[in-house]
């Protein structure tokens, strides 16, 4: 209509800067208006422009093109104009449209790159980027919670909001009697105001039809909406409101009718986008007379028009039925009908967009809630599949649902099949069932096998038209396959682990694209849940196997009761064993003697009586510890026994028993005996080089952590639980002392701790009352006892050094011959002549500093320093002695 078009043009020309500049450049303006008068007011200018429109107005699209071309030629003005005139809403809309366009382009590029053979997409191209921050939501005030609680269970579903008062009453801006008195422009204006703020599609359609009835004086009106994808063959028309009169209510006209695309007059209008005005529909072959037969209403004249959006896309079809007071609808009716429907298209598009956003939000809520439900319990695969079947069947409304798990050994075949029917939802045992029905119905291997093999979904409206369908499946069955939706269940590793298949959607309808999209999203959660359940079952099995293995190991690693009883014979005194001497030598002792010597050390310290340890249990614990040492060259039971003897001697001679306390001393002696449990004759570096299970399990301080875990395992083994009578706080404290002490034997930790310890001694800040100081001291004592062979008399020291070197050389041989790497110098057998030099370096870098440090706290430990200095001189003398020449092998 001209008045509407003029109003739009007026809005453009009201901008004084733009109108004057464009008027100077536009040929139409220069031809149709006099030279600009400086004294002319904007109102006069607008009047002249408006007057000239009727005679020389160019088509609107031409005028817009000229304005746009001028703006392109004057970018400085354009920028300045929009800097002054642009609103925040315009900028937000521009940013949104460009962000969407860019993301679509990136998505297309990514799909193209992944579809081209040999192409490679970097991780950055597929890494999700945060498009919005949580701060952006603050502009809308406090939003409703994402998670709510219904019947005591958390849910993502939003509770329905209470309906506001008066919401059910539909009010017009003016009564109908007043509307009939208005002229055409005023009437359309009032009707447009009535629909502009209504975002409910059903309510909006009812308003539109009543307005059409008022505009065209029609007896009845109907409105059909377009449904289905444009590119597919599923498009059709749906009439949610039928035979609406000017006085009918919304509830009275709700009636859904489906019409095929292109069928009937309404279908013809929707397909062609053309207006149809028929005086007698029974003379038109396109009219479907069955509609009148079913409703009992006689249709005579009919005016049918498409409702289009701003892009010209048909959104629906509105039809006015039976002109009152006349034989047919006039050309004026067509004009006012078309004018009104232009606004209806905008309002209907907005309402549909709003409805779609609401449905999308609700779909996401449902999907999240379904994901929460299937993730609640993942203990067994049966429970998970039971939840998947129940909720997929009830939500997507179909007759049967099946979940088929792919056989890992043969893709395309199924190891297990679960199913459920709609009738099962009403079964009495539904609530009590914890596992689904398994394999009750035959599997259509053709369809499900294809999906499992290709990993692509199949949506078949009629399976009998597909060559994949095996018709024998329906033989002898009460259910006849019609529509099937089958999708793969994908694991997080992007591998098909199963197939979910829906059969026969209710109402005889095919499964829609929305069904497919929802099931695809739901299938992702199903894949994660099934994968997690498989992993949980594997972990449970592994734990069970570990428990059985530990039980077997504990049985074989625990000393027999008879061996423990043999130790209960009278134990010789410490003097007989020479236990309180720094020069102690175990060479002449048998293994049973070493066990009795350990027994004597604990008895002399009063530890068994203090902590109420049964002597037989303690004997069995000692023998069990000894059995858990391997027969390696050096790091064996004898080494552990010698470390314990040195700790016992230091504590006695330095009289630190009272300073450290019974509990810490017990922990130190236990740590000494257990500090190398299950040693394999190789160090931490070797475990890392071969990526052993121990290295994968522990990471740092590999062997030391393994020693401690073995210590705890023995302590928890039935029959050797020597700490059962300790109070909980004593037990916890003792285990921490043992752990810290064993880990301190790692030289990497020793170097990390000794700087702080030396600093405390140099500054006089060492405080026996502080736990941190005592912990540092315990760590230094463990190192001093671990390397105590360096403080033994020279014959013992040289003998032990050769044992250590032999074990190192064996590791070096393995690295050289099996791993094909060059070993460290001290482990290289070809460098054994440099043993004296390496021993001197070992004394200077590790041994001497720690012995001097602990001796500074007690003069009774000075003999250790003297012994180390003596041995250093011996090694230094050997390093200066020329080695005998090697005999060349023939």
Foldseek 3Di string as FASTA:
>chain_A
DVVVVVVVVLVVCVPPVLNVVLLVVDPLNVVQDDPDDPVDDSVNVSVSVVVSCVPRNDPPVVSVVSSVVVCVVPVVVVVVVCVPPPDPVNVVVVVVVVVVVVVVVLVVVVVVQVVDPPGDDDPVSPDDDDPDDPVVVPVVPDDDDQWDADPRDIARADDDDDDDPPPVPQDFPDDLVVLLPDDLVVNLVRLLVSLQPDLALLVSQLSLFLSLCSLQVFAFKWKWFWDDDPVDLPIWTWTQFGGRGNPDDSVVGGDIDIGHQCAAPFNVCLVVQDKDWALACVVPPRHDCVVCVVVVDDFGIKIKGFQAAPVRHTGIMMMGTHRPPDRTTDPSSVVSSVVSSHSVSHSNVSSVVVVVVVVVVNLVSVLVRLLCVLQVDLQALQQSVLSVQVVLCVVQAFFKKKKFFADPVDFLDGDWMFMDGPVVVPDPCSVVDRGTDTDPADDLSLQQSVCRVPQAKDWAQACVVPPSGDQCSCPPHPDHFGIKIKGFQAAPVRHGGIMMMGTGHPPSGTDGPVSVVSVVSSSPSSNHSSVVSVVSVVVVVVVVVVVVVLVVCLVVLFDDLVQLVVLPDDQDACVVQVLLDLQGDCPPPDPSNLLSNLVNLCVVLVLCVVQVFDSSLQSRLSSSLQSQFDPALALHQVLLSQLLSLLSNCCVLQVCCVLVDSLLSVLLSLLSRQLQGNPPLDAPVLCVLVVPPQCVVPVPLSRLVVSLVVSVSSCPRPSNVRNPRPDPVSVVVSSVSSSLQSSLLPVVVVVVLVVVLVVCLVVVVQDSVDPVSVSSVSSLSSNQSSQSLLQHAQVSVVVSLVSNLVSLLVSQVCCCPPVVDHDDLSNHPVNVLCSLVVLLVCCVPRHLVSLVSVCSSGVSSVSSNVSNVVNNVVSVVSNPDDDDDDDDDD
